[in-house]
Each structure stands twice: as structure tokens, then as C-alpha cells.
Amino acid sequence: MKKKDIKILLVDDEPDILEIVGYNLTTEGYQVITAENGIQAVKKAKKEKPQLIILDVMMPEMDGIEACEQIRKIDSLNNTIITFLTARGEDYSQVAGFDAGADDYITKPIKPKVLVSKVKALLRRFKEVDGNENILKIGSLIINREEYKIELKGKEIILPRKEFELLSLLASKPGKVFKREDILDKVWGNEVVVGGRTIDVHIRKLREKIGDDYFKTVKGVGYKFVD
């Protein structure tokens, strides 16, 4: 997808944020739509169907958490990426944001160039290759879900089933933070009673085999795959 076809909905009640961030994203080539509160955000999200929503937490009329919850109920926006803007140190907002359905968060204040880089990283998850949902290519990593095998820099690596399923889940949406309870549900399901340490052990093994840089721990929440 070309930049000119990508819509970004920017939501903040501070005019300066809308102007500065909006200008930098527009200059980069993206279509930028703005809203000043959560109510406007939900209405414009329904109408415009953006690929990315950058959502402030503290806003009048409807805050970002509630707006995110409303947007996540709209079927046509299932694939839309939502990232929160949170003030530095607002850990409670970050956790609440993930519970509401957000994919990530951006801590402000943030330099414009860093923001643009962050946006590019968030939008990379739209890259699905070959039109085959069973084949996922991310850089030099190829995941074949049908044959349960991966290839890294041309070298085939065999993974135990649970490690493969965990990698496949995280890599399905690079940059998205998967909460620990969601990982347990989707990878282990009702097979056995396992604890959070099980995930940590499998992540450690994947880091040893695939590379430490691919996996990032989000303290108190879960893990994400970084391409």
C-alpha cells in the first residue's frame, strides 16, 4: 500500500499537537484526518476507515479509552491499528489502553522524526506476502504455517510446536503488543494449566534460536514482535 493511500486518524484535544503531528505526517505523504475528542474520533473512524488511529487518552466528552472500546466494536475497523498517546509515566493509561483494544502506545512528548519512524513501524504489519495466508514473510524470516517450519536468512530452523505457534502469533502482527492472557489462550488454550512463566521460557528459547532483537517485553502487559 502506497503512503498516499494510507489514512491516519489523529485525535487530540490540543490544537498544537494536531497541527505539529498532522503536519509531519502529511509531509511524509500520508492522508491525515483529525478529531478533537472521542466522540468525533468514533464518527470519523466509521466514515473514513483509517489504517491507523493515533488516540490521545485524556480528552473531553469521551476519553481515548472509551473511544477505543467503541471503535473495536465496529467490524469494518477490525484491522485498524490503534496506538495511544500517553504522557510519560502514565503506566495506568497504557495498561488500560491495551485492555480497551489498543495495539501500542506512543509516549509524549515525542520528536517529530521519532514519531514518523514509529508510525512506519506500526504500518509494516500490513505486509502480507504472496497472497497466501499460510506463508508469512518478514524481512529475512519466512514462516510457513502449513508445514510448521521457518527459514531465517536462507537457513531452515525446526521449532517445537508451541514455540512455532507462539512465533507465528506474535509475527502475525509485528508491533502489536499481545497480552499474556491472550497468548496463553491462543497458543495453549485449554490443553493444560500453565502459568505466565511458561510464556517467558518459550520466549527465551525463541530469542536463542531466532534472535533477541525480534522480541520485546512490555513490562506488566506481554510481548510483541519487532521486525
C-alpha atoms as a PDB file:
ATOM      1  CA  MET A   1       0.000   0.000   0.000  1.00  0.00           C
ATOM      2  CA  LYS A   2       1.397   3.393  -1.017  1.00  0.00           C
ATOM      3  CA  LYS A   3       1.674   6.203   1.512  1.00  0.00           C
ATOM      4  CA  LYS A   4      -0.813   8.398  -0.349  1.00  0.00           C
ATOM      5  CA  ASP A   5      -3.444   5.667   0.106  1.00  0.00           C
ATOM      6  CA  ILE A   6      -2.892   5.324   3.857  1.00  0.00           C
ATOM      7  CA  LYS A   7      -5.278   7.216   6.134  1.00  0.00           C
ATOM      8  CA  ILE A   8      -4.242   8.191   9.644  1.00  0.00           C
ATOM      9  CA  LEU A   9      -6.802   9.498  12.124  1.00  0.00           C
ATOM     10  CA  LEU A  10      -5.130  11.794  14.649  1.00  0.00           C
ATOM     11  CA  VAL A  11      -7.162  12.505  17.784  1.00  0.00           C
ATOM     12  CA  ASP A  12      -6.159  15.050  20.424  1.00  0.00           C
ATOM     13  CA  ASP A  13      -7.818  17.981  22.188  1.00  0.00           C
ATOM     14  CA  GLU A  14      -4.651  20.085  21.967  1.00  0.00           C
ATOM     15  CA  PRO A  15      -4.579  22.159  18.729  1.00  0.00           C
ATOM     16  CA  ASP A  16      -0.771  22.326  18.820  1.00  0.00           C
ATOM     17  CA  ILE A  17      -0.497  18.528  18.782  1.00  0.00           C
ATOM     18  CA  LEU A  18      -2.936  18.252  15.871  1.00  0.00           C
ATOM     19  CA  GLU A  19      -1.053  20.911  13.930  1.00  0.00           C
ATOM     20  CA  ILE A  20       2.515  19.717  14.552  1.00  0.00           C
ATOM     21  CA  VAL A  21       1.931  15.969  14.330  1.00  0.00           C
ATOM     22  CA  GLY A  22      -0.529  16.363  11.467  1.00  0.00           C
ATOM     23  CA  TYR A  23       1.950  18.496   9.516  1.00  0.00           C
ATOM     24  CA  ASN A  24       4.770  15.965   9.900  1.00  0.00           C
ATOM     25  CA  LEU A  25       2.612  13.018   8.853  1.00  0.00           C
ATOM     26  CA  THR A  26       1.165  14.936   5.887  1.00  0.00           C
ATOM     27  CA  THR A  27       4.656  15.977   4.812  1.00  0.00           C
ATOM     28  CA  GLU A  28       5.625  12.302   4.919  1.00  0.00           C
ATOM     29  CA  GLY A  29       2.883  11.602   2.376  1.00  0.00           C
ATOM     30  CA  TYR A  30       0.055  10.181   4.476  1.00  0.00           C
ATOM     31  CA  GLN A  31      -3.588  11.280   4.434  1.00  0.00           C
ATOM     32  CA  VAL A  32      -4.290  12.793   7.845  1.00  0.00           C
ATOM     33  CA  ILE A  33      -7.755  13.239   9.345  1.00  0.00           C
ATOM     34  CA  THR A  34      -8.103  14.982  12.710  1.00  0.00           C
ATOM     35  CA  ALA A  35     -10.570  14.878  15.591  1.00  0.00           C
ATOM     36  CA  GLU A  36     -10.655  16.813  18.857  1.00  0.00           C
ATOM     37  CA  ASN A  37     -12.396  14.313  21.132  1.00  0.00           C
ATOM     38  CA  GLY A  38     -13.502  10.701  21.406  1.00  0.00           C
ATOM     39  CA  ILE A  39     -16.992  11.260  20.002  1.00  0.00           C
ATOM     40  CA  GLN A  40     -15.574  12.841  16.837  1.00  0.00           C
ATOM     41  CA  ALA A  41     -12.984  10.054  16.658  1.00  0.00           C
ATOM     42  CA  VAL A  42     -15.613   7.289  16.561  1.00  0.00           C
ATOM     43  CA  LYS A  43     -17.687   9.113  13.909  1.00  0.00           C
ATOM     44  CA  LYS A  44     -14.695   9.847  11.673  1.00  0.00           C
ATOM     45  CA  ALA A  45     -13.290   6.338  12.102  1.00  0.00           C
ATOM     46  CA  LYS A  46     -16.601   4.878  10.868  1.00  0.00           C
ATOM     47  CA  LYS A  47     -16.678   7.225   7.884  1.00  0.00           C
ATOM     48  CA  GLU A  48     -13.008   7.264   6.825  1.00  0.00           C
ATOM     49  CA  LYS A  49     -11.922   3.717   7.802  1.00  0.00           C
ATOM     50  CA  PRO A  50      -8.283   4.687   8.549  1.00  0.00           C
ATOM     51  CA  GLN A  51      -5.439   2.192   8.614  1.00  0.00           C
ATOM     52  CA  LEU A  52      -4.026   3.810  11.777  1.00  0.00           C
ATOM     53  CA  ILE A  53      -5.579   5.785  14.641  1.00  0.00           C
ATOM     54  CA  ILE A  54      -3.363   7.825  16.972  1.00  0.00           C
ATOM     55  CA  LEU A  55      -5.504   8.451  20.024  1.00  0.00           C
ATOM     56  CA  ASP A  56      -4.891  10.712  22.992  1.00  0.00           C
ATOM     57  CA  VAL A  57      -6.027   9.328  26.343  1.00  0.00           C
ATOM     58  CA  MET A  58      -7.219  12.388  28.258  1.00  0.00           C
ATOM     59  CA  MET A  59      -9.906  14.231  26.258  1.00  0.00           C
ATOM     60  CA  PRO A  60     -13.251  15.936  26.981  1.00  0.00           C
ATOM     61  CA  GLU A  61     -16.703  14.448  26.194  1.00  0.00           C
ATOM     62  CA  MET A  62     -15.329  10.941  25.584  1.00  0.00           C
ATOM     63  CA  ASP A  63     -11.801   9.933  26.565  1.00  0.00           C
ATOM     64  CA  GLY A  64      -9.477   7.825  24.436  1.00  0.00           C
ATOM     65  CA  ILE A  65     -10.074   4.602  26.374  1.00  0.00           C
ATOM     66  CA  GLU A  66     -13.832   4.681  25.775  1.00  0.00           C
ATOM     67  CA  ALA A  67     -13.361   5.764  22.154  1.00  0.00           C
ATOM     68  CA  CYS A  68     -11.029   2.812  21.583  1.00  0.00           C
ATOM     69  CA  GLU A  69     -13.585   0.420  23.062  1.00  0.00           C
ATOM     70  CA  GLN A  70     -16.275   1.828  20.753  1.00  0.00           C
ATOM     71  CA  ILE A  71     -14.068   1.612  17.675  1.00  0.00           C
ATOM     72  CA  ARG A  72     -13.137  -2.001  18.442  1.00  0.00           C
ATOM     73  CA  LYS A  73     -16.851  -2.897  18.222  1.00  0.00           C
ATOM     74  CA  ILE A  74     -17.009  -1.756  14.573  1.00  0.00           C
ATOM     75  CA  ASP A  75     -16.472  -4.775  12.290  1.00  0.00           C
ATOM     76  CA  SER A  76     -15.151  -2.733   9.359  1.00  0.00           C
ATOM     77  CA  LEU A  77     -12.323  -1.468  11.583  1.00  0.00           C
ATOM     78  CA  ASN A  78     -11.101  -4.858  12.820  1.00  0.00           C
ATOM     79  CA  ASN A  79      -7.745  -4.457  11.085  1.00  0.00           C
ATOM     80  CA  THR A  80      -7.245  -0.814  12.006  1.00  0.00           C
ATOM     81  CA  ILE A  81      -4.185  -0.244  14.184  1.00  0.00           C
ATOM     82  CA  ILE A  82      -4.826   1.877  17.283  1.00  0.00           C
ATOM     83  CA  THR A  83      -1.987   3.452  19.219  1.00  0.00           C
ATOM     84  CA  PHE A  84      -2.396   5.706  22.233  1.00  0.00           C
ATOM     85  CA  LEU A  85      -0.613   8.954  23.003  1.00  0.00           C
ATOM     86  CA  THR A  86       0.209   8.881  26.707  1.00  0.00           C
ATOM     87  CA  ALA A  87       2.080  11.297  28.935  1.00  0.00           C
ATOM     88  CA  ARG A  88       5.365   9.999  30.261  1.00  0.00           C
ATOM     89  CA  GLY A  89       4.853   7.952  33.415  1.00  0.00           C
ATOM     90  CA  GLU A  90       1.154   7.194  32.827  1.00  0.00           C
ATOM     91  CA  ASP A  91       1.589   3.431  33.153  1.00  0.00           C
ATOM     92  CA  TYR A  92      -2.035   3.012  34.206  1.00  0.00           C
ATOM     93  CA  SER A  93      -3.167   4.586  30.913  1.00  0.00           C
ATOM     94  CA  GLN A  94      -1.015   2.221  28.915  1.00  0.00           C
ATOM     95  CA  VAL A  95      -2.428  -0.874  30.616  1.00  0.00           C
ATOM     96  CA  ALA A  96      -5.985   0.460  30.345  1.00  0.00           C
ATOM     97  CA  GLY A  97      -5.344   1.156  26.675  1.00  0.00           C
ATOM     98  CA  PHE A  98      -4.307  -2.419  25.979  1.00  0.00           C
ATOM     99  CA  ASP A  99      -7.376  -3.681  27.842  1.00  0.00           C
ATOM    100  CA  ALA A 100      -9.537  -1.456  25.625  1.00  0.00           C
ATOM    101  CA  GLY A 101      -8.062  -2.993  22.474  1.00  0.00           C
ATOM    102  CA  ALA A 102      -5.104  -0.764  21.591  1.00  0.00           C
ATOM    103  CA  ASP A 103      -2.148  -2.239  19.726  1.00  0.00           C
ATOM    104  CA  ASP A 104       0.577   0.014  21.092  1.00  0.00           C
ATOM    105  CA  TYR A 105       1.273   3.376  22.692  1.00  0.00           C
ATOM    106  CA  ILE A 106       3.446   6.406  21.978  1.00  0.00           C
ATOM    107  CA  THR A 107       4.836   8.375  24.899  1.00  0.00           C
ATOM    108  CA  LYS A 108       4.735  12.156  24.570  1.00  0.00           C
ATOM    109  CA  PRO A 109       6.432  14.499  24.230  1.00  0.00           C
ATOM    110  CA  ILE A 110       7.939  12.856  21.151  1.00  0.00           C
ATOM    111  CA  LYS A 111      10.186  14.315  18.455  1.00  0.00           C
ATOM    112  CA  PRO A 112       8.520  14.507  15.016  1.00  0.00           C
ATOM    113  CA  LYS A 113      11.139  12.310  13.310  1.00  0.00           C
ATOM    114  CA  VAL A 114      10.787   9.662  16.016  1.00  0.00           C
ATOM    115  CA  LEU A 115       7.004   9.771  15.643  1.00  0.00           C
ATOM    116  CA  VAL A 116       7.229   9.267  11.878  1.00  0.00           C
ATOM    117  CA  SER A 117       9.543   6.279  12.409  1.00  0.00           C
ATOM    118  CA  LYS A 118       7.093   4.853  14.953  1.00  0.00           C
ATOM    119  CA  VAL A 119       4.203   5.252  12.513  1.00  0.00           C
ATOM    120  CA  LYS A 120       6.159   3.477   9.762  1.00  0.00           C
ATOM    121  CA  ALA A 121       6.884   0.587  12.126  1.00  0.00           C
ATOM    122  CA  LEU A 122       3.213   0.296  13.109  1.00  0.00           C
ATOM    123  CA  LEU A 123       2.078   0.256   9.490  1.00  0.00           C
ATOM    124  CA  ARG A 124       4.513  -2.501   8.494  1.00  0.00           C
ATOM    125  CA  ARG A 125       2.168  -5.142   9.855  1.00  0.00           C
ATOM    126  CA  PHE A 126       0.004  -4.750   6.756  1.00  0.00           C
ATOM    127  CA  LYS A 127       2.681  -6.565   4.747  1.00  0.00           C
ATOM    128  CA  GLU A 128       1.303  -9.970   3.864  1.00  0.00           C
ATOM    129  CA  VAL A 129       3.151 -11.673   1.032  1.00  0.00           C
ATOM    130  CA  ASP A 130       2.299 -13.987  -1.861  1.00  0.00           C
ATOM    131  CA  GLY A 131      -1.454 -13.774  -1.253  1.00  0.00           C
ATOM    132  CA  ASN A 132      -1.076 -16.920   0.818  1.00  0.00           C
ATOM    133  CA  GLU A 133      -2.155 -16.587   4.425  1.00  0.00           C
ATOM    134  CA  ASN A 134      -0.114 -19.679   5.294  1.00  0.00           C
ATOM    135  CA  ILE A 135       3.153 -18.004   4.251  1.00  0.00           C
ATOM    136  CA  LEU A 136       4.344 -15.018   6.248  1.00  0.00           C
ATOM    137  CA  LYS A 137       7.494 -13.156   5.196  1.00  0.00           C
ATOM    138  CA  ILE A 138       9.052 -10.520   7.412  1.00  0.00           C
ATOM    139  CA  GLY A 139      12.427  -9.374   6.162  1.00  0.00           C
ATOM    140  CA  SER A 140      14.712 -12.403   6.069  1.00  0.00           C
ATOM    141  CA  LEU A 141      12.294 -14.502   8.153  1.00  0.00           C
ATOM    142  CA  ILE A 142       9.798 -16.814   6.411  1.00  0.00           C
ATOM    143  CA  ILE A 143       7.123 -18.609   8.430  1.00  0.00           C
ATOM    144  CA  ASN A 144       5.299 -21.479   6.731  1.00  0.00           C
ATOM    145  CA  ARG A 145       2.238 -22.115   8.870  1.00  0.00           C
ATOM    146  CA  GLU A 146       1.025 -25.027   6.779  1.00  0.00           C
ATOM    147  CA  GLU A 147       4.263 -27.029   7.025  1.00  0.00           C
ATOM    148  CA  TYR A 148       5.227 -25.858  10.534  1.00  0.00           C
ATOM    149  CA  LYS A 149       8.674 -24.680   9.529  1.00  0.00           C
ATOM    150  CA  ILE A 150      10.595 -21.422   9.372  1.00  0.00           C
ATOM    151  CA  GLU A 151      13.501 -20.126   7.371  1.00  0.00           C
ATOM    152  CA  LEU A 152      15.849 -17.405   8.589  1.00  0.00           C
ATOM    153  CA  LYS A 153      18.382 -15.871   6.193  1.00  0.00           C
ATOM    154  CA  GLY A 154      18.066 -18.915   3.938  1.00  0.00           C
ATOM    155  CA  LYS A 155      18.575 -21.410   6.751  1.00  0.00           C
ATOM    156  CA  GLU A 156      15.771 -23.729   7.856  1.00  0.00           C
ATOM    157  CA  ILE A 157      15.121 -23.863  11.604  1.00  0.00           C
ATOM    158  CA  ILE A 158      12.970 -26.532  13.205  1.00  0.00           C
ATOM    159  CA  LEU A 159      10.930 -25.406  16.208  1.00  0.00           C
ATOM    160  CA  PRO A 160       8.825 -27.426  18.665  1.00  0.00           C
ATOM    161  CA  ARG A 161       5.118 -26.912  18.031  1.00  0.00           C
ATOM    162  CA  LYS A 162       4.400 -24.447  20.847  1.00  0.00           C
ATOM    163  CA  GLU A 163       7.429 -22.303  20.031  1.00  0.00           C
ATOM    164  CA  PHE A 164       6.312 -22.228  16.393  1.00  0.00           C
ATOM    165  CA  GLU A 165       2.743 -21.267  17.324  1.00  0.00           C
ATOM    166  CA  LEU A 166       3.974 -18.540  19.666  1.00  0.00           C
ATOM    167  CA  LEU A 167       6.277 -17.117  16.991  1.00  0.00           C
ATOM    168  CA  SER A 168       3.517 -17.320  14.377  1.00  0.00           C
ATOM    169  CA  LEU A 169       1.092 -15.471  16.652  1.00  0.00           C
ATOM    170  CA  LEU A 170       3.466 -12.632  17.537  1.00  0.00           C
ATOM    171  CA  ALA A 171       4.745 -12.271  13.962  1.00  0.00           C
ATOM    172  CA  SER A 172       1.218 -12.157  12.545  1.00  0.00           C
ATOM    173  CA  LYS A 173       1.053  -8.504  13.613  1.00  0.00           C
ATOM    174  CA  PRO A 174       4.536  -7.015  14.020  1.00  0.00           C
ATOM    175  CA  GLY A 175       4.488  -4.212  16.573  1.00  0.00           C
ATOM    176  CA  LYS A 176       1.238  -5.303  18.213  1.00  0.00           C
ATOM    177  CA  VAL A 177       1.509  -5.983  21.925  1.00  0.00           C
ATOM    178  CA  PHE A 178      -0.059  -9.339  22.783  1.00  0.00           C
ATOM    179  CA  LYS A 179      -1.210  -9.568  26.387  1.00  0.00           C
ATOM    180  CA  ARG A 180      -0.043 -12.593  28.340  1.00  0.00           C
ATOM    181  CA  GLU A 181      -3.558 -13.920  28.869  1.00  0.00           C
ATOM    182  CA  ASP A 182      -4.273 -13.705  25.125  1.00  0.00           C
ATOM    183  CA  ILE A 183      -1.062 -15.582  24.331  1.00  0.00           C
ATOM    184  CA  LEU A 184      -1.962 -18.331  26.782  1.00  0.00           C
ATOM    185  CA  ASP A 185      -5.458 -18.588  25.339  1.00  0.00           C
ATOM    186  CA  LYS A 186      -4.424 -18.660  21.673  1.00  0.00           C
ATOM    187  CA  VAL A 187      -1.304 -20.831  21.945  1.00  0.00           C
ATOM    188  CA  TRP A 188      -2.112 -23.149  24.844  1.00  0.00           C
ATOM    189  CA  GLY A 189      -5.899 -22.885  25.053  1.00  0.00           C
ATOM    190  CA  ASN A 190      -7.466 -25.416  27.387  1.00  0.00           C
ATOM    191  CA  GLU A 191      -4.863 -28.119  26.810  1.00  0.00           C
ATOM    192  CA  VAL A 192      -3.145 -27.801  30.149  1.00  0.00           C
ATOM    193  CA  VAL A 193      -2.999 -25.444  33.090  1.00  0.00           C
ATOM    194  CA  VAL A 194       0.084 -23.313  32.580  1.00  0.00           C
ATOM    195  CA  GLY A 195       1.422 -20.168  34.201  1.00  0.00           C
ATOM    196  CA  GLY A 196       2.944 -16.972  32.905  1.00  0.00           C
ATOM    197  CA  ARG A 197       6.425 -18.399  33.318  1.00  0.00           C
ATOM    198  CA  THR A 198       5.655 -20.834  30.503  1.00  0.00           C
ATOM    199  CA  ILE A 199       5.487 -17.925  28.057  1.00  0.00           C
ATOM    200  CA  ASP A 200       8.741 -16.469  29.392  1.00  0.00           C
ATOM    201  CA  VAL A 201      10.552 -19.774  28.902  1.00  0.00           C
ATOM    202  CA  HIS A 202       9.305 -20.136  25.317  1.00  0.00           C
ATOM    203  CA  ILE A 203      10.234 -16.534  24.508  1.00  0.00           C
ATOM    204  CA  ARG A 204      13.728 -17.150  25.872  1.00  0.00           C
ATOM    205  CA  LYS A 205      14.121 -20.203  23.645  1.00  0.00           C
ATOM    206  CA  LEU A 206      12.891 -18.264  20.602  1.00  0.00           C
ATOM    207  CA  ARG A 207      15.363 -15.474  21.343  1.00  0.00           C
ATOM    208  CA  GLU A 208      18.170 -18.038  21.413  1.00  0.00           C
ATOM    209  CA  LYS A 209      17.115 -19.580  18.089  1.00  0.00           C
ATOM    210  CA  ILE A 210      15.730 -16.619  16.107  1.00  0.00           C
ATOM    211  CA  GLY A 211      17.480 -13.632  17.630  1.00  0.00           C
ATOM    212  CA  ASP A 212      16.959 -11.407  20.656  1.00  0.00           C
ATOM    213  CA  ASP A 213      16.095  -8.308  18.600  1.00  0.00           C
ATOM    214  CA  TYR A 214      12.848  -9.791  17.268  1.00  0.00           C
ATOM    215  CA  PHE A 215      11.118  -9.920  20.643  1.00  0.00           C
ATOM    216  CA  LYS A 216      10.328  -7.082  23.015  1.00  0.00           C
ATOM    217  CA  THR A 217       8.936  -7.424  26.521  1.00  0.00           C
ATOM    218  CA  VAL A 218       6.290  -4.874  27.509  1.00  0.00           C
ATOM    219  CA  LYS A 219       6.508  -4.845  31.280  1.00  0.00           C
ATOM    220  CA  GLY A 220       3.301  -5.814  33.023  1.00  0.00           C
ATOM    221  CA  VAL A 221       1.476  -6.496  29.753  1.00  0.00           C
ATOM    222  CA  GLY A 222       3.055  -9.048  27.416  1.00  0.00           C
ATOM    223  CA  TYR A 223       5.246  -9.340  24.326  1.00  0.00           C
ATOM    224  CA  LYS A 224       5.495  -8.036  20.789  1.00  0.00           C
ATOM    225  CA  PHE A 225       7.405  -8.995  17.650  1.00  0.00           C
ATOM    226  CA  VAL A 226       9.685  -6.307  16.238  1.00  0.00           C
ATOM    227  CA  ASP A 227      10.728  -6.560  12.591  1.00  0.00           C
END
